[in-house]
């Protein structure tokens, strides 16, 4: 089908990759714990959209070009690291009183709610797109399941990307539901919310530092 080979193995591999903890998993759980189910869902959708971008780039050879360039890898790596650190610092030093007031105001006005949700979506999107490790993953993983002599390589990559993203969405939604359900009662307490934000913010900073020191 479209030059795809060993498709059942691909599905199993994607399933195992999804359940293995990684930066995207940590990010989604962190958002869900610190800011609730809506924030987690929008972050998950943003990350999955980023995977769509990588799938398209992989299909048309752009990902391979980025992976082959040491300069491009370094630029993307530090951009992604700085962005994660920025988000972590913002979350760690956010004022609980201001955050609670903002939530109350947005709950009363549906129009104002769209903006923070859009921001959360874009933040999730950029954390995925600016992660060079994801670029390398798509370059090394997807070609194993595409026949080298097929005339439909782009279509094969896009199909595999669609399956990958669909499975990732299901897993991410499950993660959000579990994480937000566990912490829903705790999140309503200002003191607990404050420390949750600090812990999650520190975790984001740690992810950013880890990404900054990553090697190809």
Foldseek 3Di string as FASTA:
>chain_A
DLQFAPVVVLLVVLVVVLPDDDPLLLLLLLLCQQPNLLLSLLLLLLLLVLLLVLLLCVLVVNLVVLVVDPVSQLVLLLVLLVLLLVQLVCLLPPDLVVVVVLVVVCVVPVVVVVVVSVVSNNSSNSNNNSQNVSSVCLNPPQVVGGHPPGPRSSVSSSVSSVSSSVVSSVSSSVSSVVSNVVNVVVCVDSVSSNVSSNVSSVVSNVVSVCSNPDDD
